PDB file of N, CA and C in Angstrom:
ATOM      1  N   MET A   1     132.028  38.412 -47.124  1.00  0.00           N
ATOM      2  CA  MET A   1     131.121  37.638 -46.949  1.00  0.00           C
ATOM      3  C   MET A   1     131.814  37.022 -45.725  1.00  0.00           C
ATOM      4  N   ARG A   2     130.273  36.336 -44.647  1.00  0.00           N
ATOM      5  CA  ARG A   2     130.345  35.610 -43.610  1.00  0.00           C
ATOM      6  C   ARG A   2     129.539  34.145 -43.766  1.00  0.00           C
ATOM      7  N   LYS A   3     129.640  32.845 -42.757  1.00  0.00           N
ATOM      8  CA  LYS A   3     129.140  32.098 -42.856  1.00  0.00           C
ATOM      9  C   LYS A   3     128.661  31.831 -41.416  1.00  0.00           C
ATOM     10  N   LEU A   4     127.153  31.097 -41.282  1.00  0.00           N
ATOM     11  CA  LEU A   4     127.266  30.935 -39.674  1.00  0.00           C
ATOM     12  C   LEU A   4     127.341  29.240 -39.634  1.00  0.00           C
ATOM     13  N   VAL A   5     128.502  28.910 -38.533  1.00  0.00           N
ATOM     14  CA  VAL A   5     128.865  27.738 -38.267  1.00  0.00           C
ATOM     15  C   VAL A   5     128.447  26.959 -37.131  1.00  0.00           C
ATOM     16  N   TYR A   6     128.440  25.696 -36.735  1.00  0.00           N
ATOM     17  CA  TYR A   6     128.361  25.806 -35.200  1.00  0.00           C
ATOM     18  C   TYR A   6     129.244  24.787 -34.947  1.00  0.00           C
ATOM     19  N   LYS A   7     130.091  25.492 -34.218  1.00  0.00           N
ATOM     20  CA  LYS A   7     131.408  24.117 -33.505  1.00  0.00           C
ATOM     21  C   LYS A   7     130.757  23.446 -32.195  1.00  0.00           C
ATOM     22  N   CYS A   8     131.117  22.344 -32.671  1.00  0.00           N
ATOM     23  CA  CYS A   8     130.494  20.668 -31.339  1.00  0.00           C
ATOM     24  C   CYS A   8     131.355  20.651 -30.734  1.00  0.00           C
ATOM     25  N   PHE A   9     130.949  20.098 -29.127  1.00  0.00           N
ATOM     26  CA  PHE A   9     132.046  20.403 -28.364  1.00  0.00           C
ATOM     27  C   PHE A   9     131.440  18.933 -27.580  1.00  0.00           C
ATOM     28  N   THR A  10     132.181  18.543 -27.023  1.00  0.00           N
ATOM     29  CA  THR A  10     132.072  17.149 -26.225  1.00  0.00           C
ATOM     30  C   THR A  10     133.125  17.278 -24.644  1.00  0.00           C
ATOM     31  N   ASN A  11     132.231  17.658 -23.608  1.00  0.00           N
ATOM     32  CA  ASN A  11     133.069  18.107 -22.074  1.00  0.00           C
ATOM     33  C   ASN A  11     133.711  19.004 -22.368  1.00  0.00           C
ATOM     34  N   ASN A  12     133.590  20.118 -23.072  1.00  0.00           N
ATOM     35  CA  ASN A  12     134.160  21.575 -23.724  1.00  0.00           C
ATOM     36  C   ASN A  12     135.636  21.252 -24.659  1.00  0.00           C
ATOM     37  N   HIS A  13     135.244  20.018 -25.178  1.00  0.00           N
ATOM     38  CA  HIS A  13     136.611  19.618 -25.755  1.00  0.00           C
ATOM     39  C   HIS A  13     136.406  19.838 -27.133  1.00  0.00           C
ATOM     40  N   PHE A  14     136.791  20.647 -28.758  1.00  0.00           N
ATOM     41  CA  PHE A  14     136.243  21.076 -29.890  1.00  0.00           C
ATOM     42  C   PHE A  14     136.448  19.293 -30.629  1.00  0.00           C
ATOM     43  N   VAL A  15     135.428  18.977 -30.806  1.00  0.00           N
ATOM     44  CA  VAL A  15     135.060  17.994 -31.855  1.00  0.00           C
ATOM     45  C   VAL A  15     135.073  17.652 -33.342  1.00  0.00           C
ATOM     46  N   LYS A  16     133.966  18.895 -34.036  1.00  0.00           N
ATOM     47  CA  LYS A  16     133.604  18.948 -35.037  1.00  0.00           C
ATOM     48  C   LYS A  16     133.138  20.387 -35.262  1.00  0.00           C
ATOM     49  N   THR A  17     132.892  20.955 -36.617  1.00  0.00           N
ATOM     50  CA  THR A  17     132.381  21.834 -37.476  1.00  0.00           C
ATOM     51  C   THR A  17     131.294  21.525 -37.944  1.00  0.00           C
ATOM     52  N   VAL A  18     130.068  21.775 -38.051  1.00  0.00           N
ATOM     53  CA  VAL A  18     128.766  21.151 -38.756  1.00  0.00           C
ATOM     54  C   VAL A  18     127.831  22.847 -39.030  1.00  0.00           C
ATOM     55  N   THR A  19     127.356  22.452 -40.668  1.00  0.00           N
ATOM     56  CA  THR A  19     127.018  23.851 -41.295  1.00  0.00           C
ATOM     57  C   THR A  19     125.176  24.169 -41.286  1.00  0.00           C
ATOM     58  N   THR A  20     124.876  22.991 -40.768  1.00  0.00           N
ATOM     59  CA  THR A  20     123.917  23.145 -40.248  1.00  0.00           C
ATOM     60  C   THR A  20     122.884  23.561 -38.692  1.00  0.00           C
ATOM     61  N   TYR A  21     121.857  24.216 -38.454  1.00  0.00           N
ATOM     62  CA  TYR A  21     121.487  23.749 -37.119  1.00  0.00           C
ATOM     63  C   TYR A  21     120.860  22.646 -36.813  1.00  0.00           C
ATOM     64  N   LYS A  22     120.324  22.227 -37.765  1.00  0.00           N
ATOM     65  CA  LYS A  22     119.641  20.754 -37.738  1.00  0.00           C
ATOM     66  C   LYS A  22     121.027  19.916 -37.008  1.00  0.00           C
ATOM     67  N   GLU A  23     121.677  19.521 -37.585  1.00  0.00           N
ATOM     68  CA  GLU A  23     122.896  18.373 -37.242  1.00  0.00           C
ATOM     69  C   GLU A  23     123.825  19.028 -36.266  1.00  0.00           C
ATOM     70  N   ALA A  24     124.086  20.063 -35.522  1.00  0.00           N
ATOM     71  CA  ALA A  24     124.501  20.831 -34.546  1.00  0.00           C
ATOM     72  C   ALA A  24     123.167  20.623 -33.671  1.00  0.00           C
ATOM     73  N   LYS A  25     122.021  20.401 -33.520  1.00  0.00           N
ATOM     74  CA  LYS A  25     121.141  20.245 -32.586  1.00  0.00           C
ATOM     75  C   LYS A  25     121.089  18.429 -32.154  1.00  0.00           C
ATOM     76  N   GLU A  26     121.055  17.621 -33.203  1.00  0.00           N
ATOM     77  CA  GLU A  26     121.085  15.884 -33.346  1.00  0.00           C
ATOM     78  C   GLU A  26     122.453  16.028 -32.637  1.00  0.00           C
ATOM     79  N   TRP A  27     123.533  16.788 -33.136  1.00  0.00           N
ATOM     80  CA  TRP A  27     124.634  16.379 -31.863  1.00  0.00           C
ATOM     81  C   TRP A  27     124.469  16.591 -30.375  1.00  0.00           C
ATOM     82  N   LYS A  28     123.847  17.451 -30.201  1.00  0.00           N
ATOM     83  CA  LYS A  28     123.415  17.976 -28.625  1.00  0.00           C
ATOM     84  C   LYS A  28     122.886  17.073 -27.913  1.00  0.00           C
ATOM     85  N   GLU A  29     121.140  16.076 -28.935  1.00  0.00           N
ATOM     86  CA  GLU A  29     120.924  15.519 -28.532  1.00  0.00           C
ATOM     87  C   GLU A  29     121.921  13.439 -28.434  1.00  0.00           C
ATOM     88  N   GLU A  30     122.397  13.585 -29.028  1.00  0.00           N
ATOM     89  CA  GLU A  30     123.128  12.243 -28.678  1.00  0.00           C
ATOM     90  C   GLU A  30     123.429  11.657 -26.762  1.00  0.00           C
ATOM     91  N   SER A  31     123.834  13.225 -26.519  1.00  0.00           N
ATOM     92  CA  SER A  31     124.775  13.039 -24.962  1.00  0.00           C
ATOM     93  C   SER A  31     124.452  14.102 -24.604  1.00  0.00           C
ATOM     94  N   GLU A  32     124.556  13.946 -22.786  1.00  0.00           N
ATOM     95  CA  GLU A  32     123.967  15.507 -22.354  1.00  0.00           C
ATOM     96  C   GLU A  32     125.278  15.911 -22.284  1.00  0.00           C
ATOM     97  N   LYS A  33     126.273  15.785 -22.180  1.00  0.00           N
ATOM     98  CA  LYS A  33     127.809  16.072 -22.516  1.00  0.00           C
ATOM     99  C   LYS A  33     128.429  16.591 -23.631  1.00  0.00           C
ATOM    100  N   ASN A  34     127.389  16.641 -24.880  1.00  0.00           N
ATOM    101  CA  ASN A  34     127.587  17.418 -25.724  1.00  0.00           C
ATOM    102  C   ASN A  34     127.281  18.500 -26.097  1.00  0.00           C
ATOM    103  N   SER A  35     127.520  19.902 -26.599  1.00  0.00           N
ATOM    104  CA  SER A  35     126.997  21.284 -26.619  1.00  0.00           C
ATOM    105  C   SER A  35     127.521  21.485 -27.715  1.00  0.00           C
ATOM    106  N   PHE A  36     126.932  22.924 -28.581  1.00  0.00           N
ATOM    107  CA  PHE A  36     127.592  23.528 -29.505  1.00  0.00           C
ATOM    108  C   PHE A  36     127.267  25.155 -29.467  1.00  0.00           C
ATOM    109  N   LYS A  37     128.621  25.621 -30.329  1.00  0.00           N
ATOM    110  CA  LYS A  37     128.281  27.025 -30.265  1.00  0.00           C
ATOM    111  C   LYS A  37     128.752  27.755 -31.656  1.00  0.00           C
ATOM    112  N   ASP A  38     127.027  28.825 -31.937  1.00  0.00           N
ATOM    113  CA  ASP A  38     127.604  29.225 -33.235  1.00  0.00           C
ATOM    114  C   ASP A  38     128.375  30.109 -33.424  1.00  0.00           C
ATOM    115  N   GLU A  39     128.799  30.419 -34.636  1.00  0.00           N
ATOM    116  CA  GLU A  39     129.820  31.353 -35.088  1.00  0.00           C
ATOM    117  C   GLU A  39     130.119  31.804 -36.281  1.00  0.00           C
ATOM    118  N   ALA A  40     130.650  33.106 -36.706  1.00  0.00           N
ATOM    119  CA  ALA A  40     130.251  33.438 -38.136  1.00  0.00           C
ATOM    120  C   ALA A  40     131.587  33.534 -38.233  1.00  0.00           C
ATOM    121  N   VAL A  41     132.410  32.821 -39.591  1.00  0.00           N
ATOM    122  CA  VAL A  41     133.513  32.684 -39.942  1.00  0.00           C
ATOM    123  C   VAL A  41     133.018  33.175 -41.554  1.00  0.00           C
ATOM    124  N   ASP A  42     134.731  33.960 -42.138  1.00  0.00           N
ATOM    125  CA  ASP A  42     134.424  34.555 -43.074  1.00  0.00           C
ATOM    126  C   ASP A  42     134.889  33.929 -43.861  1.00  0.00           C
ATOM    127  N   ILE A  43     134.386  33.990 -45.127  1.00  0.00           N
ATOM    128  CA  ILE A  43     134.365  32.961 -46.994  1.00  0.00           C
ATOM    129  C   ILE A  43     135.314  33.505 -47.371  1.00  0.00           C
ATOM    130  N   LYS A  44     135.852  33.027 -48.719  1.00  0.00           N
ATOM    131  CA  LYS A  44     136.533  33.764 -49.566  1.00  0.00           C
ATOM    132  C   LYS A  44     135.425  33.627 -50.830  1.00  0.00           C
ATOM    133  N   ARG A  45     135.139  34.628 -51.668  1.00  0.00           N
ATOM    134  CA  ARG A  45     134.397  34.038 -52.518  1.00  0.00           C
ATOM    135  C   ARG A  45     135.021  34.133 -53.763  1.00  0.00           C
ATOM    136  N   GLU A  46     135.484  33.131 -54.804  1.00  0.00           N
ATOM    137  CA  GLU A  46     136.072  33.399 -56.378  1.00  0.00           C
ATOM    138  C   GLU A  46     135.248  33.665 -56.957  1.00  0.00           C
ATOM    139  N   GLU A  47     135.631  34.307 -57.757  1.00  0.00           N
ATOM    140  CA  GLU A  47     135.268  34.939 -58.894  1.00  0.00           C
ATOM    141  C   GLU A  47     135.937  34.092 -60.498  1.00  0.00           C
ATOM    142  N   THR A  48     134.266  33.855 -60.579  1.00  0.00           N
ATOM    143  CA  THR A  48     133.884  32.979 -62.021  1.00  0.00           C
ATOM    144  C   THR A  48     134.569  34.423 -63.373  1.00  0.00           C
ATOM    145  N   GLU A  49     135.220  33.513 -64.521  1.00  0.00           N
ATOM    146  CA  GLU A  49     135.470  33.954 -65.340  1.00  0.00           C
ATOM    147  C   GLU A  49     134.258  34.790 -66.352  1.00  0.00           C
ATOM    148  N   LYS A  50     132.948  34.248 -66.223  1.00  0.00           N
ATOM    149  CA  LYS A  50     132.338  35.121 -66.794  1.00  0.00           C
ATOM    150  C   LYS A  50     131.985  36.516 -66.082  1.00  0.00           C
ATOM    151  N   GLU A  51     132.020  36.127 -64.087  1.00  0.00           N
ATOM    152  CA  GLU A  51     131.662  37.643 -63.864  1.00  0.00           C
ATOM    153  C   GLU A  51     132.927  38.429 -64.038  1.00  0.00           C
ATOM    154  N   ARG A  52     133.995  38.055 -63.941  1.00  0.00           N
ATOM    155  CA  ARG A  52     135.530  39.082 -64.538  1.00  0.00           C
ATOM    156  C   ARG A  52     134.817  39.429 -65.616  1.00  0.00           C
ATOM    157  N   LYS A  53     134.468  38.731 -66.829  1.00  0.00           N
ATOM    158  CA  LYS A  53     134.342  39.559 -68.003  1.00  0.00           C
ATOM    159  C   LYS A  53     133.038  40.795 -68.072  1.00  0.00           C
ATOM    160  N   THR A  54     132.024  40.343 -66.971  1.00  0.00           N
ATOM    161  CA  THR A  54     131.363  41.132 -67.412  1.00  0.00           C
ATOM    162  C   THR A  54     131.681  42.666 -66.825  1.00  0.00           C
ATOM    163  N   ARG A  55     132.757  42.266 -65.573  1.00  0.00           N
ATOM    164  CA  ARG A  55     132.759  43.148 -64.828  1.00  0.00           C
ATOM    165  C   ARG A  55     133.505  44.184 -65.175  1.00  0.00           C
ATOM    166  N   LEU A  56     135.108  43.795 -65.914  1.00  0.00           N
ATOM    167  CA  LEU A  56     136.093  44.154 -67.041  1.00  0.00           C
ATOM    168  C   LEU A  56     135.106  45.768 -67.263  1.00  0.00           C
ATOM    169  N   GLU A  57     134.217  44.243 -68.661  1.00  0.00           N
ATOM    170  CA  GLU A  57     133.207  45.516 -69.771  1.00  0.00           C
ATOM    171  C   GLU A  57     132.581  46.332 -68.902  1.00  0.00           C
ATOM    172  N   ARG A  58     132.284  46.550 -67.634  1.00  0.00           N
ATOM    173  CA  ARG A  58     131.399  47.654 -67.219  1.00  0.00           C
ATOM    174  C   ARG A  58     132.135  48.836 -67.000  1.00  0.00           C
ATOM    175  N   ILE A  59     133.409  48.375 -66.580  1.00  0.00           N
ATOM    176  CA  ILE A  59     134.218  49.146 -66.347  1.00  0.00           C
ATOM    177  C   ILE A  59     135.158  50.310 -67.708  1.00  0.00           C
ATOM    178  N   ALA A  60     135.080  49.299 -68.649  1.00  0.00           N
ATOM    179  CA  ALA A  60     135.365  49.456 -69.753  1.00  0.00           C
ATOM    180  C   ALA A  60     134.466  50.496 -70.447  1.00  0.00           C
ATOM    181  N   LYS A  61     133.186  50.354 -70.266  1.00  0.00           N
ATOM    182  CA  LYS A  61     131.862  51.395 -70.369  1.00  0.00           C
ATOM    183  C   LYS A  61     132.413  52.352 -69.658  1.00  0.00           C
ATOM    184  N   ARG A  62     132.487  52.519 -68.162  1.00  0.00           N
ATOM    185  CA  ARG A  62     132.465  53.748 -67.501  1.00  0.00           C
ATOM    186  C   ARG A  62     133.915  54.633 -67.986  1.00  0.00           C
ATOM    187  N   MET A  63     134.893  53.779 -68.641  1.00  0.00           N
ATOM    188  CA  MET A  63     135.791  55.040 -68.836  1.00  0.00           C
ATOM    189  C   MET A  63     135.519  55.519 -69.909  1.00  0.00           C
ATOM    190  N   LYS A  64     134.937  54.484 -70.795  1.00  0.00           N
ATOM    191  CA  LYS A  64     135.023  55.443 -71.966  1.00  0.00           C
ATOM    192  C   LYS A  64     133.728  56.343 -72.198  1.00  0.00           C
ATOM    193  N   LYS A  65     132.689  56.375 -71.382  1.00  0.00           N
ATOM    194  CA  LYS A  65     131.912  58.004 -70.926  1.00  0.00           C
ATOM    195  C   LYS A  65     133.040  58.955 -71.105  1.00  0.00           C
ATOM    196  N   ILE A  66     133.746  58.488 -69.955  1.00  0.00           N
ATOM    197  CA  ILE A  66     134.510  59.885 -68.786  1.00  0.00           C
ATOM    198  C   ILE A  66     135.265  60.270 -69.846  1.00  0.00           C
ATOM    199  N   ARG A  67     136.160  59.104 -70.563  1.00  0.00           N
ATOM    200  CA  ARG A  67     136.843  59.836 -71.397  1.00  0.00           C
ATOM    201  C   ARG A  67     136.012  60.742 -72.774  1.00  0.00           C
ATOM    202  N   ASP A  68     135.154  60.652 -73.024  1.00  0.00           N
ATOM    203  CA  ASP A  68     134.139  60.812 -74.091  1.00  0.00           C
ATOM    204  C   ASP A  68     133.806  62.133 -73.497  1.00  0.00           C
ATOM    205  N   LYS A  69     132.970  62.591 -71.790  1.00  0.00           N
ATOM    206  CA  LYS A  69     132.960  64.028 -71.925  1.00  0.00           C
ATOM    207  C   LYS A  69     133.769  64.853 -71.222  1.00  0.00           C
ATOM    208  N   GLN A  70     135.101  64.303 -71.804  1.00  0.00           N
ATOM    209  CA  GLN A  70     135.895  64.986 -71.431  1.00  0.00           C
ATOM    210  C   GLN A  70     136.756  65.577 -72.765  1.00  0.00           C
ATOM    211  N   ALA A  71     136.743  64.768 -73.874  1.00  0.00           N
ATOM    212  CA  ALA A  71     136.922  65.190 -75.172  1.00  0.00           C
ATOM    213  C   ALA A  71     136.163  66.208 -75.413  1.00  0.00           C
ATOM    214  N   VAL A  72     134.832  66.381 -74.720  1.00  0.00           N
ATOM    215  CA  VAL A  72     133.899  67.741 -75.652  1.00  0.00           C
ATOM    216  C   VAL A  72     134.586  68.676 -74.898  1.00  0.00           C
TER     217      VAL A  72
END
């Protein structure tokens, strides 16, 4: 999964990263030397225990159906 972020610069030197367009626009309006560039960054998504449990249950159901078909 990717997320859009805005990198803020002053005189072409990186200063900070913000997550909203509104913050980036405010940064640019503070000074005429300020600028920003949008960039898509990869983010890691952590799986919760509940999601893991449901995923494993679905896998088990599928495997059971496959085994039942092969047994017939």
